[in-house]
Amino acid sequence: MSQKLARSSTDRALYGVCGGIAEYLGISSFIVRVIFFLTATVSVWVYIFLNWFLEDKPSL
């Protein structure tokens, strides 16, 4: 089964984008959030784009 990038349904600080990326990559969501924070000038637009286009991951 291939894993699909989606917003997290359980790890949601705002909309679950960073949590979804972390689950997809198999790393801590804290690391993804730190990277987004350190690259804030670009990552704000990436976050907005991903929030619009990623589907919610189904709850288990």
PDB file of N, CA and C in Angstrom:
ATOM      1  N   MET A   1       0.846  -1.184   0.000  1.00  0.00           N
ATOM      2  CA  MET A   1       0.000   0.000   0.000  1.00  0.00           C
ATOM      3  C   MET A   1       0.884   1.239   0.000  1.00  0.00           C
ATOM      4  N   SER A   2       0.700   2.126  -0.952  1.00  0.00           N
ATOM      5  CA  SER A   2       1.496   3.341  -0.973  1.00  0.00           C
ATOM      6  C   SER A   2       0.824   4.405  -0.109  1.00  0.00           C
ATOM      7  N   GLN A   3       1.656   5.110   0.599  1.00  0.00           N
ATOM      8  CA  GLN A   3       1.162   6.147   1.492  1.00  0.00           C
ATOM      9  C   GLN A   3       0.939   7.426   0.698  1.00  0.00           C
ATOM     10  N   LYS A   4      -0.131   8.133   0.990  1.00  0.00           N
ATOM     11  CA  LYS A   4      -0.484   9.347   0.289  1.00  0.00           C
ATOM     12  C   LYS A   4      -0.311  10.542   1.224  1.00  0.00           C
ATOM     13  N   LEU A   5       0.243  11.629   0.714  1.00  0.00           N
ATOM     14  CA  LEU A   5       0.407  12.840   1.508  1.00  0.00           C
ATOM     15  C   LEU A   5      -0.964  13.454   1.754  1.00  0.00           C
ATOM     16  N   ALA A   6      -1.290  13.641   3.028  1.00  0.00           N
ATOM     17  CA  ALA A   6      -2.574  14.214   3.413  1.00  0.00           C
ATOM     18  C   ALA A   6      -2.409  14.934   4.733  1.00  0.00           C
ATOM     19  N   ARG A   7      -3.340  15.832   5.042  1.00  0.00           N
ATOM     20  CA  ARG A   7      -3.315  16.509   6.336  1.00  0.00           C
ATOM     21  C   ARG A   7      -3.603  15.489   7.432  1.00  0.00           C
ATOM     22  N   SER A   8      -2.917  15.628   8.545  1.00  0.00           N
ATOM     23  CA  SER A   8      -3.089  14.703   9.660  1.00  0.00           C
ATOM     24  C   SER A   8      -4.424  14.941  10.348  1.00  0.00           C
ATOM     25  N   SER A   9      -5.064  13.857  10.744  1.00  0.00           N
ATOM     26  CA  SER A   9      -6.325  13.991  11.483  1.00  0.00           C
ATOM     27  C   SER A   9      -6.074  13.979  12.985  1.00  0.00           C
ATOM     28  N   THR A  10      -4.869  13.613  13.412  1.00  0.00           N
ATOM     29  CA  THR A  10      -4.573  13.531  14.839  1.00  0.00           C
ATOM     30  C   THR A  10      -3.532  14.538  15.297  1.00  0.00           C
ATOM     31  N   ASP A  11      -2.566  14.888  14.468  1.00  0.00           N
ATOM     32  CA  ASP A  11      -1.483  15.813  14.833  1.00  0.00           C
ATOM     33  C   ASP A  11      -1.757  17.159  14.182  1.00  0.00           C
ATOM     34  N   ARG A  12      -2.674  17.923  14.788  1.00  0.00           N
ATOM     35  CA  ARG A  12      -3.129  19.169  14.186  1.00  0.00           C
ATOM     36  C   ARG A  12      -2.856  20.349  15.105  1.00  0.00           C
ATOM     37  N   ALA A  13      -1.797  21.103  14.814  1.00  0.00           N
ATOM     38  CA  ALA A  13      -1.567  22.336  15.560  1.00  0.00           C
ATOM     39  C   ALA A  13      -2.465  23.433  14.981  1.00  0.00           C
ATOM     40  N   LEU A  14      -2.476  23.562  13.671  1.00  0.00           N
ATOM     41  CA  LEU A  14      -3.399  24.481  12.996  1.00  0.00           C
ATOM     42  C   LEU A  14      -4.371  23.683  12.133  1.00  0.00           C
ATOM     43  N   TYR A  15      -3.888  23.216  10.997  1.00  0.00           N
ATOM     44  CA  TYR A  15      -4.750  22.480  10.073  1.00  0.00           C
ATOM     45  C   TYR A  15      -4.249  21.068   9.782  1.00  0.00           C
ATOM     46  N   GLY A  16      -3.150  20.673  10.387  1.00  0.00           N
ATOM     47  CA  GLY A  16      -2.632  19.328  10.199  1.00  0.00           C
ATOM     48  C   GLY A  16      -1.663  19.167   9.047  1.00  0.00           C
ATOM     49  N   VAL A  17      -1.222  20.280   8.452  1.00  0.00           N
ATOM     50  CA  VAL A  17      -0.307  20.191   7.311  1.00  0.00           C
ATOM     51  C   VAL A  17       1.059  19.668   7.756  1.00  0.00           C
ATOM     52  N   CYS A  18       1.650  20.272   8.770  1.00  0.00           N
ATOM     53  CA  CYS A  18       2.967  19.820   9.248  1.00  0.00           C
ATOM     54  C   CYS A  18       2.886  18.403   9.802  1.00  0.00           C
ATOM     55  N   GLY A  19       1.820  18.086  10.507  1.00  0.00           N
ATOM     56  CA  GLY A  19       1.630  16.734  11.018  1.00  0.00           C
ATOM     57  C   GLY A  19       1.516  15.719   9.901  1.00  0.00           C
ATOM     58  N   GLY A  20       0.826  16.089   8.829  1.00  0.00           N
ATOM     59  CA  GLY A  20       0.691  15.201   7.674  1.00  0.00           C
ATOM     60  C   GLY A  20       2.001  14.979   6.960  1.00  0.00           C
ATOM     61  N   ILE A  21       2.795  16.035   6.822  1.00  0.00           N
ATOM     62  CA  ILE A  21       4.112  15.899   6.189  1.00  0.00           C
ATOM     63  C   ILE A  21       5.002  15.004   7.042  1.00  0.00           C
ATOM     64  N   ALA A  22       4.954  15.200   8.364  1.00  0.00           N
ATOM     65  CA  ALA A  22       5.765  14.386   9.267  1.00  0.00           C
ATOM     66  C   ALA A  22       5.366  12.916   9.203  1.00  0.00           C
ATOM     67  N   GLU A  23       4.075  12.635   9.177  1.00  0.00           N
ATOM     68  CA  GLU A  23       3.617  11.246   9.073  1.00  0.00           C
ATOM     69  C   GLU A  23       4.053  10.630   7.753  1.00  0.00           C
ATOM     70  N   TYR A  24       3.987  11.391   6.671  1.00  0.00           N
ATOM     71  CA  TYR A  24       4.378  10.903   5.349  1.00  0.00           C
ATOM     72  C   TYR A  24       5.870  10.577   5.306  1.00  0.00           C
ATOM     73  N   LEU A  25       6.691  11.452   5.923  1.00  0.00           N
ATOM     74  CA  LEU A  25       8.141  11.248   5.901  1.00  0.00           C
ATOM     75  C   LEU A  25       8.626  10.335   7.016  1.00  0.00           C
ATOM     76  N   GLY A  26       7.781  10.068   8.006  1.00  0.00           N
ATOM     77  CA  GLY A  26       8.163   9.208   9.118  1.00  0.00           C
ATOM     78  C   GLY A  26       9.083   9.886  10.117  1.00  0.00           C
ATOM     79  N   ILE A  27       8.923  11.203  10.289  1.00  0.00           N
ATOM     80  CA  ILE A  27       9.749  11.948  11.240  1.00  0.00           C
ATOM     81  C   ILE A  27       8.844  12.684  12.223  1.00  0.00           C
ATOM     82  N   SER A  28       9.452  13.321  13.203  1.00  0.00           N
ATOM     83  CA  SER A  28       8.710  14.059  14.215  1.00  0.00           C
ATOM     84  C   SER A  28       8.084  15.324  13.610  1.00  0.00           C
ATOM     85  N   SER A  29       6.858  15.615  14.008  1.00  0.00           N
ATOM     86  CA  SER A  29       6.205  16.833  13.519  1.00  0.00           C
ATOM     87  C   SER A  29       6.904  18.077  14.065  1.00  0.00           C
ATOM     88  N   PHE A  30       7.585  17.955  15.200  1.00  0.00           N
ATOM     89  CA  PHE A  30       8.338  19.072  15.754  1.00  0.00           C
ATOM     90  C   PHE A  30       9.420  19.522  14.774  1.00  0.00           C
ATOM     91  N   ILE A  31      10.113  18.562  14.162  1.00  0.00           N
ATOM     92  CA  ILE A  31      11.166  18.883  13.198  1.00  0.00           C
ATOM     93  C   ILE A  31      10.582  19.613  11.993  1.00  0.00           C
ATOM     94  N   VAL A  32       9.450  19.144  11.496  1.00  0.00           N
ATOM     95  CA  VAL A  32       8.812  19.789  10.342  1.00  0.00           C
ATOM     96  C   VAL A  32       8.394  21.209  10.710  1.00  0.00           C
ATOM     97  N   ARG A  33       7.849  21.398  11.904  1.00  0.00           N
ATOM     98  CA  ARG A  33       7.422  22.733  12.338  1.00  0.00           C
ATOM     99  C   ARG A  33       8.611  23.680  12.489  1.00  0.00           C
ATOM    100  N   VAL A  34       9.737  23.177  12.993  1.00  0.00           N
ATOM    101  CA  VAL A  34      10.941  24.004  13.122  1.00  0.00           C
ATOM    102  C   VAL A  34      11.436  24.424  11.740  1.00  0.00           C
ATOM    103  N   ILE A  35      11.435  23.509  10.790  1.00  0.00           N
ATOM    104  CA  ILE A  35      11.858  23.838   9.422  1.00  0.00           C
ATOM    105  C   ILE A  35      10.926  24.886   8.824  1.00  0.00           C
ATOM    106  N   PHE A  36       9.628  24.724   9.011  1.00  0.00           N
ATOM    107  CA  PHE A  36       8.682  25.718   8.515  1.00  0.00           C
ATOM    108  C   PHE A  36       8.919  27.067   9.175  1.00  0.00           C
ATOM    109  N   PHE A  37       9.225  27.077  10.467  1.00  0.00           N
ATOM    110  CA  PHE A  37       9.475  28.334  11.178  1.00  0.00           C
ATOM    111  C   PHE A  37      10.749  29.010  10.674  1.00  0.00           C
ATOM    112  N   LEU A  38      11.807  28.232  10.467  1.00  0.00           N
ATOM    113  CA  LEU A  38      13.085  28.799  10.024  1.00  0.00           C
ATOM    114  C   LEU A  38      13.038  29.313   8.591  1.00  0.00           C
ATOM    115  N   THR A  39      12.127  28.797   7.802  1.00  0.00           N
ATOM    116  CA  THR A  39      11.988  29.246   6.410  1.00  0.00           C
ATOM    117  C   THR A  39      10.652  29.974   6.216  1.00  0.00           C
ATOM    118  N   ALA A  40      10.284  30.763   7.208  1.00  0.00           N
ATOM    119  CA  ALA A  40       8.950  31.359   7.271  1.00  0.00           C
ATOM    120  C   ALA A  40       8.587  32.212   6.058  1.00  0.00           C
ATOM    121  N   THR A  41       9.533  32.883   5.446  1.00  0.00           N
ATOM    122  CA  THR A  41       9.177  33.767   4.333  1.00  0.00           C
ATOM    123  C   THR A  41       8.581  33.007   3.153  1.00  0.00           C
ATOM    124  N   VAL A  42       9.063  31.809   2.915  1.00  0.00           N
ATOM    125  CA  VAL A  42       8.554  30.989   1.816  1.00  0.00           C
ATOM    126  C   VAL A  42       7.505  30.001   2.303  1.00  0.00           C
ATOM    127  N   SER A  43       7.746  29.438   3.472  1.00  0.00           N
ATOM    128  CA  SER A  43       6.895  28.347   3.939  1.00  0.00           C
ATOM    129  C   SER A  43       5.473  28.776   4.266  1.00  0.00           C
ATOM    130  N   VAL A  44       5.241  30.043   4.545  1.00  0.00           N
ATOM    131  CA  VAL A  44       3.865  30.508   4.781  1.00  0.00           C
ATOM    132  C   VAL A  44       3.028  30.267   3.535  1.00  0.00           C
ATOM    133  N   TRP A  45       3.575  30.588   2.378  1.00  0.00           N
ATOM    134  CA  TRP A  45       2.835  30.394   1.122  1.00  0.00           C
ATOM    135  C   TRP A  45       2.685  28.913   0.802  1.00  0.00           C
ATOM    136  N   VAL A  46       3.714  28.123   1.085  1.00  0.00           N
ATOM    137  CA  VAL A  46       3.643  26.673   0.871  1.00  0.00           C
ATOM    138  C   VAL A  46       2.574  26.076   1.785  1.00  0.00           C
ATOM    139  N   TYR A  47       2.538  26.521   3.034  1.00  0.00           N
ATOM    140  CA  TYR A  47       1.559  26.013   4.000  1.00  0.00           C
ATOM    141  C   TYR A  47       0.136  26.325   3.538  1.00  0.00           C
ATOM    142  N   ILE A  48      -0.094  27.545   3.083  1.00  0.00           N
ATOM    143  CA  ILE A  48      -1.427  27.936   2.600  1.00  0.00           C
ATOM    144  C   ILE A  48      -1.809  27.090   1.395  1.00  0.00           C
ATOM    145  N   PHE A  49      -0.896  26.911   0.458  1.00  0.00           N
ATOM    146  CA  PHE A  49      -1.151  26.103  -0.726  1.00  0.00           C
ATOM    147  C   PHE A  49      -1.493  24.665  -0.343  1.00  0.00           C
ATOM    148  N   LEU A  50      -0.687  24.065   0.538  1.00  0.00           N
ATOM    149  CA  LEU A  50      -0.934  22.681   0.944  1.00  0.00           C
ATOM    150  C   LEU A  50      -2.238  22.546   1.717  1.00  0.00           C
ATOM    151  N   ASN A  51      -2.571  23.542   2.527  1.00  0.00           N
ATOM    152  CA  ASN A  51      -3.825  23.493   3.269  1.00  0.00           C
ATOM    153  C   ASN A  51      -5.020  23.454   2.331  1.00  0.00           C
ATOM    154  N   TRP A  52      -4.950  24.179   1.232  1.00  0.00           N
ATOM    155  CA  TRP A  52      -6.057  24.190   0.264  1.00  0.00           C
ATOM    156  C   TRP A  52      -6.156  22.887  -0.519  1.00  0.00           C
ATOM    157  N   PHE A  53      -5.019  22.290  -0.867  1.00  0.00           N
ATOM    158  CA  PHE A  53      -5.034  21.186  -1.816  1.00  0.00           C
ATOM    159  C   PHE A  53      -4.872  19.790  -1.229  1.00  0.00           C
ATOM    160  N   LEU A  54      -4.420  19.675   0.010  1.00  0.00           N
ATOM    161  CA  LEU A  54      -4.308  18.349   0.613  1.00  0.00           C
ATOM    162  C   LEU A  54      -5.658  17.925   1.199  1.00  0.00           C
ATOM    163  N   GLU A  55      -5.960  16.666   1.036  1.00  0.00           N
ATOM    164  CA  GLU A  55      -7.175  16.123   1.631  1.00  0.00           C
ATOM    165  C   GLU A  55      -6.911  15.777   3.085  1.00  0.00           C
ATOM    166  N   ASP A  56      -7.974  15.709   3.885  1.00  0.00           N
ATOM    167  CA  ASP A  56      -7.830  15.236   5.257  1.00  0.00           C
ATOM    168  C   ASP A  56      -7.596  13.745   5.243  1.00  0.00           C
ATOM    169  N   LYS A  57      -6.705  13.283   6.115  1.00  0.00           N
ATOM    170  CA  LYS A  57      -6.465  11.861   6.263  1.00  0.00           C
ATOM    171  C   LYS A  57      -7.643  11.276   7.030  1.00  0.00           C
ATOM    172  N   PRO A  58      -8.206  10.187   6.586  1.00  0.00           N
ATOM    173  CA  PRO A  58      -9.337   9.597   7.283  1.00  0.00           C
ATOM    174  C   PRO A  58      -8.978   9.192   8.710  1.00  0.00           C
ATOM    175  N   SER A  59      -9.890   9.422   9.623  1.00  0.00           N
ATOM    176  CA  SER A  59      -9.689   9.005  11.011  1.00  0.00           C
ATOM    177  C   SER A  59      -9.822   7.501  11.103  1.00  0.00           C
ATOM    178  N   LEU A  60      -9.025   6.921  11.977  1.00  0.00           N
ATOM    179  CA  LEU A  60      -9.088   5.462  12.147  1.00  0.00           C
ATOM    180  C   LEU A  60     -10.012   5.076  13.223  1.00  0.00           C
TER     181      LEU A  60
END
